[in-house]
């Protein structure tokens, strides 16, 4: 019984190794099809194939065999089976076991999934090591940057405070000058008020009374000389207005 199981497993293993992966078979069929040479075909010596029209290839051919239309996914699949892009100006891929007229070599191409995973893990470990090595330097650089920012902020605040102090001193000085000028103006206003009061005082009234006495009389009543009353009224208005204006300007 055990010998039978061993033989069956060996047969399955032989069949697996003798049957190419479906991806390779489908790709080989696309390249061999002469009807699609304008989109995908062998190169001149049959050692590689070229995707001449990636857009048309993705839109028209990929969905017929691979059930998707993603050209990037197709390229990644090629990479896992060891294909290499051998031209920079076109999409040309090469594998030593993928040749025109030699379909039987496809069985020797194996998927490199395990190798790809190992390579990916090595890359991640290397990146982590670089991050650990560069970490302290990056931290020191960040600390230096923070210190520079704090120093710059402190310098800026000190400069603003100094400017405010200078401005305050200047305003105090100007305020002192204005107060001095205001005191001088008030003294001048007081002198003007005294002058107005002097001319509109009792002496002026006495002069007016003397003027009244010089007016002619009729039957014991003083007669008004034409224009005297009007002049008195205007003089009184002018005196009153001047007094008000000077009082307001001296407050």
C-alpha atoms as a PDB file:
ATOM      1  CA  UNK A   1       0.000   0.000   0.000  1.00  0.00           C
ATOM      2  CA  UNK A   2       2.805   2.379   0.888  1.00  0.00           C
ATOM      3  CA  UNK A   3       4.610   1.530  -2.330  1.00  0.00           C
ATOM      4  CA  UNK A   4       1.458   2.436  -4.303  1.00  0.00           C
ATOM      5  CA  UNK A   5       1.163   5.797  -2.590  1.00  0.00           C
ATOM      6  CA  UNK A   6       4.823   6.481  -3.253  1.00  0.00           C
ATOM      7  CA  UNK A   7       4.430   5.687  -6.933  1.00  0.00           C
ATOM      8  CA  UNK A   8       1.324   7.894  -7.213  1.00  0.00           C
ATOM      9  CA  UNK A   9       3.103  10.824  -5.598  1.00  0.00           C
ATOM     10  CA  UNK A  10       6.069  10.323  -7.897  1.00  0.00           C
ATOM     11  CA  UNK A  11       3.772  10.314 -10.942  1.00  0.00           C
ATOM     12  CA  UNK A  12       2.064  13.511  -9.823  1.00  0.00           C
ATOM     13  CA  UNK A  13       5.419  15.144  -9.217  1.00  0.00           C
ATOM     14  CA  UNK A  14       6.593  14.094 -12.674  1.00  0.00           C
ATOM     15  CA  UNK A  15       3.445  15.472 -14.285  1.00  0.00           C
ATOM     16  CA  UNK A  16       3.806  18.732 -12.398  1.00  0.00           C
ATOM     17  CA  UNK A  17       7.376  19.178 -13.498  1.00  0.00           C
ATOM     18  CA  UNK A  18       6.646  18.180 -17.103  1.00  0.00           C
ATOM     19  CA  UNK A  19       3.706  20.601 -17.440  1.00  0.00           C
ATOM     20  CA  UNK A  20       4.551  24.299 -17.879  1.00  0.00           C
ATOM     21  CA  UNK A  21       2.787  26.810 -15.612  1.00  0.00           C
ATOM     22  CA  UNK A  22      -0.433  28.165 -17.161  1.00  0.00           C
ATOM     23  CA  UNK A  23       0.905  31.725 -17.208  1.00  0.00           C
ATOM     24  CA  UNK A  24       3.871  30.702 -19.346  1.00  0.00           C
ATOM     25  CA  UNK A  25       1.706  28.645 -21.711  1.00  0.00           C
ATOM     26  CA  UNK A  26      -0.710  31.526 -22.261  1.00  0.00           C
ATOM     27  CA  UNK A  27       2.100  34.008 -22.800  1.00  0.00           C
ATOM     28  CA  UNK A  28       3.806  31.679 -25.256  1.00  0.00           C
ATOM     29  CA  UNK A  29       0.531  31.291 -27.170  1.00  0.00           C
ATOM     30  CA  UNK A  30       0.169  35.092 -27.461  1.00  0.00           C
ATOM     31  CA  UNK A  31       3.721  35.521 -28.719  1.00  0.00           C
ATOM     32  CA  UNK A  32       3.421  32.626 -31.221  1.00  0.00           C
ATOM     33  CA  UNK A  33       0.146  33.868 -32.695  1.00  0.00           C
ATOM     34  CA  UNK A  34       1.098  35.502 -35.998  1.00  0.00           C
ATOM     35  CA  UNK A  35      -2.208  37.367 -36.123  1.00  0.00           C
ATOM     36  CA  UNK A  36      -1.104  39.602 -33.226  1.00  0.00           C
ATOM     37  CA  UNK A  37       2.448  40.349 -34.400  1.00  0.00           C
ATOM     38  CA  UNK A  38       1.599  44.039 -34.609  1.00  0.00           C
ATOM     39  CA  UNK A  39       0.932  44.053 -30.871  1.00  0.00           C
ATOM     40  CA  UNK A  40       3.224  41.317 -29.470  1.00  0.00           C
ATOM     41  CA  UNK A  41       5.807  39.119 -31.220  1.00  0.00           C
ATOM     42  CA  UNK A  42       9.270  37.553 -31.041  1.00  0.00           C
ATOM     43  CA  UNK A  43      12.323  39.693 -31.618  1.00  0.00           C
ATOM     44  CA  UNK A  44      14.425  39.171 -34.706  1.00  0.00           C
ATOM     45  CA  UNK A  45      16.369  36.123 -33.424  1.00  0.00           C
ATOM     46  CA  UNK A  46      13.565  34.582 -31.336  1.00  0.00           C
ATOM     47  CA  UNK A  47      15.388  34.831 -27.999  1.00  0.00           C
ATOM     48  CA  UNK A  48      12.957  37.397 -26.499  1.00  0.00           C
ATOM     49  CA  UNK A  49       9.534  38.828 -27.149  1.00  0.00           C
ATOM     50  CA  UNK A  50       8.407  42.450 -27.548  1.00  0.00           C
ATOM     51  CA  UNK A  51       5.130  44.111 -26.570  1.00  0.00           C
ATOM     52  CA  UNK A  52       4.929  46.692 -29.347  1.00  0.00           C
ATOM     53  CA  UNK A  53       1.623  48.247 -28.316  1.00  0.00           C
ATOM     54  CA  UNK A  54       1.138  48.060 -24.503  1.00  0.00           C
ATOM     55  CA  UNK A  55      -2.210  49.899 -24.584  1.00  0.00           C
ATOM     56  CA  UNK A  56      -3.748  47.627 -27.227  1.00  0.00           C
ATOM     57  CA  UNK A  57      -2.179  44.571 -25.571  1.00  0.00           C
ATOM     58  CA  UNK A  58      -3.800  45.438 -22.233  1.00  0.00           C
ATOM     59  CA  UNK A  59      -7.160  46.315 -23.737  1.00  0.00           C
ATOM     60  CA  UNK A  60      -7.598  43.575 -26.360  1.00  0.00           C
ATOM     61  CA  UNK A  61      -5.366  40.566 -25.570  1.00  0.00           C
ATOM     62  CA  UNK A  62      -4.860  40.316 -21.809  1.00  0.00           C
ATOM     63  CA  UNK A  63      -8.571  39.915 -20.969  1.00  0.00           C
ATOM     64  CA  UNK A  64      -8.910  36.986 -23.397  1.00  0.00           C
ATOM     65  CA  UNK A  65      -6.477  34.760 -21.455  1.00  0.00           C
ATOM     66  CA  UNK A  66      -5.677  36.331 -18.087  1.00  0.00           C
ATOM     67  CA  UNK A  67      -9.082  37.782 -17.087  1.00  0.00           C
ATOM     68  CA  UNK A  68      -7.587  41.218 -16.401  1.00  0.00           C
ATOM     69  CA  UNK A  69      -6.283  44.182 -18.391  1.00  0.00           C
ATOM     70  CA  UNK A  70      -3.456  45.390 -16.126  1.00  0.00           C
ATOM     71  CA  UNK A  71      -0.168  45.580 -17.999  1.00  0.00           C
ATOM     72  CA  UNK A  72       1.808  46.265 -14.809  1.00  0.00           C
ATOM     73  CA  UNK A  73       0.450  43.070 -13.270  1.00  0.00           C
ATOM     74  CA  UNK A  74       1.525  41.134 -16.366  1.00  0.00           C
ATOM     75  CA  UNK A  75       5.061  42.561 -16.071  1.00  0.00           C
ATOM     76  CA  UNK A  76       5.236  41.610 -12.384  1.00  0.00           C
ATOM     77  CA  UNK A  77       4.257  38.051 -13.269  1.00  0.00           C
ATOM     78  CA  UNK A  78       7.071  37.928 -15.817  1.00  0.00           C
ATOM     79  CA  UNK A  79       9.525  39.084 -13.157  1.00  0.00           C
ATOM     80  CA  UNK A  80       8.499  36.289 -10.778  1.00  0.00           C
ATOM     81  CA  UNK A  81       9.368  33.752 -13.496  1.00  0.00           C
ATOM     82  CA  UNK A  82      12.809  35.239 -14.086  1.00  0.00           C
ATOM     83  CA  UNK A  83      12.142  37.348 -17.178  1.00  0.00           C
ATOM     84  CA  UNK A  84      14.325  40.422 -17.670  1.00  0.00           C
ATOM     85  CA  UNK A  85      13.590  43.653 -19.514  1.00  0.00           C
ATOM     86  CA  UNK A  86      16.476  43.893 -21.972  1.00  0.00           C
ATOM     87  CA  UNK A  87      15.713  47.139 -23.814  1.00  0.00           C
ATOM     88  CA  UNK A  88      15.169  50.669 -22.598  1.00  0.00           C
ATOM     89  CA  UNK A  89      13.320  51.958 -25.643  1.00  0.00           C
ATOM     90  CA  UNK A  90      10.677  49.204 -25.803  1.00  0.00           C
ATOM     91  CA  UNK A  91       9.001  46.506 -23.722  1.00  0.00           C
ATOM     92  CA  UNK A  92      11.281  43.581 -24.598  1.00  0.00           C
ATOM     93  CA  UNK A  93      11.522  40.635 -22.187  1.00  0.00           C
ATOM     94  CA  UNK A  94      13.959  37.744 -22.150  1.00  0.00           C
ATOM     95  CA  UNK A  95      14.293  34.361 -20.398  1.00  0.00           C
ATOM     96  CA  UNK A  96      16.863  31.736 -21.361  1.00  0.00           C
ATOM     97  CA  UNK A  97      14.163  29.060 -21.443  1.00  0.00           C
ATOM     98  CA  UNK A  98      11.596  31.091 -23.383  1.00  0.00           C
ATOM     99  CA  UNK A  99      12.555  30.779 -27.061  1.00  0.00           C
ATOM    100  CA  UNK A 100      10.823  30.629 -30.381  1.00  0.00           C
ATOM    101  CA  UNK A 101      10.082  27.045 -31.516  1.00  0.00           C
ATOM    102  CA  UNK A 102      11.285  25.486 -28.246  1.00  0.00           C
ATOM    103  CA  UNK A 103       8.106  25.168 -26.240  1.00  0.00           C
ATOM    104  CA  UNK A 104       9.373  22.133 -24.324  1.00  0.00           C
ATOM    105  CA  UNK A 105      11.831  24.402 -22.454  1.00  0.00           C
ATOM    106  CA  UNK A 106       8.915  26.059 -20.629  1.00  0.00           C
ATOM    107  CA  UNK A 107       8.874  23.159 -18.167  1.00  0.00           C
ATOM    108  CA  UNK A 108      12.262  24.276 -16.870  1.00  0.00           C
ATOM    109  CA  UNK A 109      10.983  27.721 -15.897  1.00  0.00           C
ATOM    110  CA  UNK A 110       9.876  27.856 -12.294  1.00  0.00           C
ATOM    111  CA  UNK A 111       8.196  30.604 -10.324  1.00  0.00           C
ATOM    112  CA  UNK A 112      10.616  32.422  -8.047  1.00  0.00           C
ATOM    113  CA  UNK A 113       8.087  33.246  -5.334  1.00  0.00           C
ATOM    114  CA  UNK A 114      10.178  31.914  -2.452  1.00  0.00           C
ATOM    115  CA  UNK A 115      13.245  33.765  -3.695  1.00  0.00           C
ATOM    116  CA  UNK A 116      11.237  36.952  -4.157  1.00  0.00           C
ATOM    117  CA  UNK A 117       9.876  36.762  -0.617  1.00  0.00           C
ATOM    118  CA  UNK A 118      13.353  36.169   0.790  1.00  0.00           C
ATOM    119  CA  UNK A 119      14.742  39.064  -1.226  1.00  0.00           C
ATOM    120  CA  UNK A 120      11.909  41.305  -0.037  1.00  0.00           C
ATOM    121  CA  UNK A 121      12.580  40.365   3.589  1.00  0.00           C
ATOM    122  CA  UNK A 122      16.283  41.132   3.151  1.00  0.00           C
ATOM    123  CA  UNK A 123      15.423  44.540   1.734  1.00  0.00           C
ATOM    124  CA  UNK A 124      13.099  45.284   4.669  1.00  0.00           C
ATOM    125  CA  UNK A 125      15.779  44.229   7.182  1.00  0.00           C
ATOM    126  CA  UNK A 126      18.355  46.405   5.445  1.00  0.00           C
ATOM    127  CA  UNK A 127      15.977  49.393   5.479  1.00  0.00           C
ATOM    128  CA  UNK A 128      15.275  48.851   9.188  1.00  0.00           C
ATOM    129  CA  UNK A 129      19.023  48.758   9.917  1.00  0.00           C
ATOM    130  CA  UNK A 130      19.530  51.976   7.995  1.00  0.00           C
ATOM    131  CA  UNK A 131      16.667  53.565   9.931  1.00  0.00           C
ATOM    132  CA  UNK A 132      18.167  52.453  13.271  1.00  0.00           C
ATOM    133  CA  UNK A 133      21.615  53.732  12.280  1.00  0.00           C
ATOM    134  CA  UNK A 134      20.284  57.016  11.001  1.00  0.00           C
ATOM    135  CA  UNK A 135      17.842  57.420  13.890  1.00  0.00           C
ATOM    136  CA  UNK A 136      20.142  59.153  16.447  1.00  0.00           C
ATOM    137  CA  UNK A 137      21.525  61.475  13.795  1.00  0.00           C
ATOM    138  CA  UNK A 138      18.030  62.381  12.700  1.00  0.00           C
ATOM    139  CA  UNK A 139      17.023  62.959  16.306  1.00  0.00           C
ATOM    140  CA  UNK A 140      20.061  65.172  16.906  1.00  0.00           C
ATOM    141  CA  UNK A 141      19.258  67.063  13.739  1.00  0.00           C
ATOM    142  CA  UNK A 142      15.671  67.538  14.905  1.00  0.00           C
ATOM    143  CA  UNK A 143      16.890  68.733  18.312  1.00  0.00           C
ATOM    144  CA  UNK A 144      19.266  71.197  16.672  1.00  0.00           C
ATOM    145  CA  UNK A 145      16.413  72.433  14.525  1.00  0.00           C
ATOM    146  CA  UNK A 146      14.187  72.921  17.595  1.00  0.00           C
ATOM    147  CA  UNK A 147      16.959  74.799  19.383  1.00  0.00           C
ATOM    148  CA  UNK A 148      17.488  77.027  16.355  1.00  0.00           C
ATOM    149  CA  UNK A 149      13.776  77.759  16.211  1.00  0.00           C
ATOM    150  CA  UNK A 150      13.630  78.582  19.921  1.00  0.00           C
ATOM    151  CA  UNK A 151      16.692  80.812  19.638  1.00  0.00           C
ATOM    152  CA  UNK A 152      15.228  82.595  16.633  1.00  0.00           C
ATOM    153  CA  UNK A 153      11.911  83.062  18.448  1.00  0.00           C
ATOM    154  CA  UNK A 154      13.674  84.454  21.543  1.00  0.00           C
ATOM    155  CA  UNK A 155      15.729  86.861  19.443  1.00  0.00           C
ATOM    156  CA  UNK A 156      12.619  88.037  17.639  1.00  0.00           C
ATOM    157  CA  UNK A 157      10.740  88.631  20.929  1.00  0.00           C
ATOM    158  CA  UNK A 158      13.685  90.579  22.375  1.00  0.00           C
ATOM    159  CA  UNK A 159      13.848  92.753  19.264  1.00  0.00           C
ATOM    160  CA  UNK A 160      10.113  93.500  19.446  1.00  0.00           C
ATOM    161  CA  UNK A 161      10.384  94.429  23.154  1.00  0.00           C
ATOM    162  CA  UNK A 162      13.333  96.754  22.457  1.00  0.00           C
ATOM    163  CA  UNK A 163      11.412  98.474  19.673  1.00  0.00           C
ATOM    164  CA  UNK A 164       8.408  98.982  21.973  1.00  0.00           C
ATOM    165  CA  UNK A 165      10.611 100.525  24.687  1.00  0.00           C
ATOM    166  CA  UNK A 166      12.173 102.942  22.204  1.00  0.00           C
ATOM    167  CA  UNK A 167       8.759 103.892  20.856  1.00  0.00           C
ATOM    168  CA  UNK A 168       7.447 104.519  24.379  1.00  0.00           C
ATOM    169  CA  UNK A 169      10.394 106.829  25.138  1.00  0.00           C
ATOM    170  CA  UNK A 170       9.827 108.779  21.942  1.00  0.00           C
ATOM    171  CA  UNK A 171       6.115 109.239  22.708  1.00  0.00           C
ATOM    172  CA  UNK A 172       6.873 110.445  26.245  1.00  0.00           C
ATOM    173  CA  UNK A 173       9.303 113.031  24.870  1.00  0.00           C
ATOM    174  CA  UNK A 174       6.771 114.275  22.307  1.00  0.00           C
ATOM    175  CA  UNK A 175       4.087 114.421  24.996  1.00  0.00           C
ATOM    176  CA  UNK A 176       6.332 116.644  27.143  1.00  0.00           C
ATOM    177  CA  UNK A 177       6.896 119.040  24.254  1.00  0.00           C
ATOM    178  CA  UNK A 178       3.146 119.244  23.563  1.00  0.00           C
ATOM    179  CA  UNK A 179       2.380 119.925  27.236  1.00  0.00           C
ATOM    180  CA  UNK A 180       4.885 122.772  27.236  1.00  0.00           C
ATOM    181  CA  UNK A 181       3.353 124.285  24.112  1.00  0.00           C
ATOM    182  CA  UNK A 182      -0.136 123.941  25.610  1.00  0.00           C
ATOM    183  CA  UNK A 183       0.934 125.836  28.745  1.00  0.00           C
ATOM    184  CA  UNK A 184       2.291 128.685  26.623  1.00  0.00           C
ATOM    185  CA  UNK A 185      -0.942 128.870  24.621  1.00  0.00           C
ATOM    186  CA  UNK A 186      -3.051 128.970  27.802  1.00  0.00           C
ATOM    187  CA  UNK A 187      -1.016 131.887  29.137  1.00  0.00           C
ATOM    188  CA  UNK A 188      -1.527 133.789  25.889  1.00  0.00           C
ATOM    189  CA  UNK A 189      -5.262 133.141  26.016  1.00  0.00           C
ATOM    190  CA  UNK A 190      -5.379 134.456  29.586  1.00  0.00           C
ATOM    191  CA  UNK A 191      -3.629 137.631  28.473  1.00  0.00           C
ATOM    192  CA  UNK A 192      -6.155 138.097  25.669  1.00  0.00           C
ATOM    193  CA  UNK A 193      -9.052 137.609  28.082  1.00  0.00           C
ATOM    194  CA  UNK A 194      -7.619 140.198  30.425  1.00  0.00           C
ATOM    195  CA  UNK A 195      -7.266 142.591  27.507  1.00  0.00           C
ATOM    196  CA  UNK A 196     -10.875 142.074  26.396  1.00  0.00           C
ATOM    197  CA  UNK A 197     -12.098 142.525  29.962  1.00  0.00           C
ATOM    198  CA  UNK A 198     -10.140 145.735  30.240  1.00  0.00           C
ATOM    199  CA  UNK A 199     -11.748 147.293  27.163  1.00  0.00           C
ATOM    200  CA  UNK A 200     -15.252 146.079  28.014  1.00  0.00           C
ATOM    201  CA  UNK A 201     -15.072 147.057  31.724  1.00  0.00           C
ATOM    202  CA  UNK A 202     -16.425 149.999  33.801  1.00  0.00           C
ATOM    203  CA  UNK A 203     -14.236 152.578  32.074  1.00  0.00           C
ATOM    204  CA  UNK A 204     -15.894 151.771  28.773  1.00  0.00           C
ATOM    205  CA  UNK A 205     -19.294 152.073  30.395  1.00  0.00           C
ATOM    206  CA  UNK A 206     -18.348 155.470  31.850  1.00  0.00           C
ATOM    207  CA  UNK A 207     -17.291 156.665  28.399  1.00  0.00           C
ATOM    208  CA  UNK A 208     -20.640 155.582  27.027  1.00  0.00           C
ATOM    209  CA  UNK A 209     -22.453 157.437  29.836  1.00  0.00           C
ATOM    210  CA  UNK A 210     -20.491 160.580  29.071  1.00  0.00           C
ATOM    211  CA  UNK A 211     -21.454 160.195  25.447  1.00  0.00           C
ATOM    212  CA  UNK A 212     -25.080 159.911  26.466  1.00  0.00           C
ATOM    213  CA  UNK A 213     -24.837 163.101  28.484  1.00  0.00           C
ATOM    214  CA  UNK A 214     -23.549 164.968  25.443  1.00  0.00           C
ATOM    215  CA  UNK A 215     -26.616 163.976  23.442  1.00  0.00           C
ATOM    216  CA  UNK A 216     -29.174 166.788  22.983  1.00  0.00           C
ATOM    217  CA  UNK A 217     -32.295 166.945  25.148  1.00  0.00           C
ATOM    218  CA  UNK A 218     -35.852 167.861  24.272  1.00  0.00           C
ATOM    219  CA  UNK A 219     -38.312 168.648  27.027  1.00  0.00           C
ATOM    220  CA  UNK A 220     -35.895 166.980  29.509  1.00  0.00           C
ATOM    221  CA  UNK A 221     -35.481 163.722  27.478  1.00  0.00           C
ATOM    222  CA  UNK A 222     -32.201 162.696  25.836  1.00  0.00           C
ATOM    223  CA  UNK A 223     -32.535 162.213  22.109  1.00  0.00           C
ATOM    224  CA  UNK A 224     -30.965 159.208  20.405  1.00  0.00           C
ATOM    225  CA  UNK A 225     -28.420 160.189  17.801  1.00  0.00           C
ATOM    226  CA  UNK A 226     -28.942 158.117  14.659  1.00  0.00           C
ATOM    227  CA  UNK A 227     -26.594 155.076  14.647  1.00  0.00           C
ATOM    228  CA  UNK A 228     -25.454 155.258  18.315  1.00  0.00           C
ATOM    229  CA  UNK A 229     -27.768 152.505  19.536  1.00  0.00           C
ATOM    230  CA  UNK A 230     -26.821 150.173  16.661  1.00  0.00           C
ATOM    231  CA  UNK A 231     -23.132 150.718  17.284  1.00  0.00           C
ATOM    232  CA  UNK A 232     -23.574 149.908  20.953  1.00  0.00           C
ATOM    233  CA  UNK A 233     -25.400 146.671  20.137  1.00  0.00           C
ATOM    234  CA  UNK A 234     -22.766 145.480  17.652  1.00  0.00           C
ATOM    235  CA  UNK A 235     -19.956 146.361  20.000  1.00  0.00           C
ATOM    236  CA  UNK A 236     -21.596 144.345  22.775  1.00  0.00           C
ATOM    237  CA  UNK A 237     -22.095 141.322  20.474  1.00  0.00           C
ATOM    238  CA  UNK A 238     -18.482 141.402  19.299  1.00  0.00           C
ATOM    239  CA  UNK A 239     -17.196 141.622  22.858  1.00  0.00           C
ATOM    240  CA  UNK A 240     -19.383 138.739  24.013  1.00  0.00           C
ATOM    241  CA  UNK A 241     -18.383 136.525  21.035  1.00  0.00           C
ATOM    242  CA  UNK A 242     -14.670 137.198  21.543  1.00  0.00           C
ATOM    243  CA  UNK A 243     -14.943 136.337  25.218  1.00  0.00           C
ATOM    244  CA  UNK A 244     -16.672 133.007  24.484  1.00  0.00           C
ATOM    245  CA  UNK A 245     -14.168 132.008  21.774  1.00  0.00           C
ATOM    246  CA  UNK A 246     -11.164 132.830  23.914  1.00  0.00           C
ATOM    247  CA  UNK A 247     -12.600 130.946  26.897  1.00  0.00           C
ATOM    248  CA  UNK A 248     -13.214 127.837  24.789  1.00  0.00           C
ATOM    249  CA  UNK A 249      -9.757 127.899  23.202  1.00  0.00           C
ATOM    250  CA  UNK A 250      -8.046 128.161  26.579  1.00  0.00           C
ATOM    251  CA  UNK A 251      -9.754 125.131  28.167  1.00  0.00           C
END
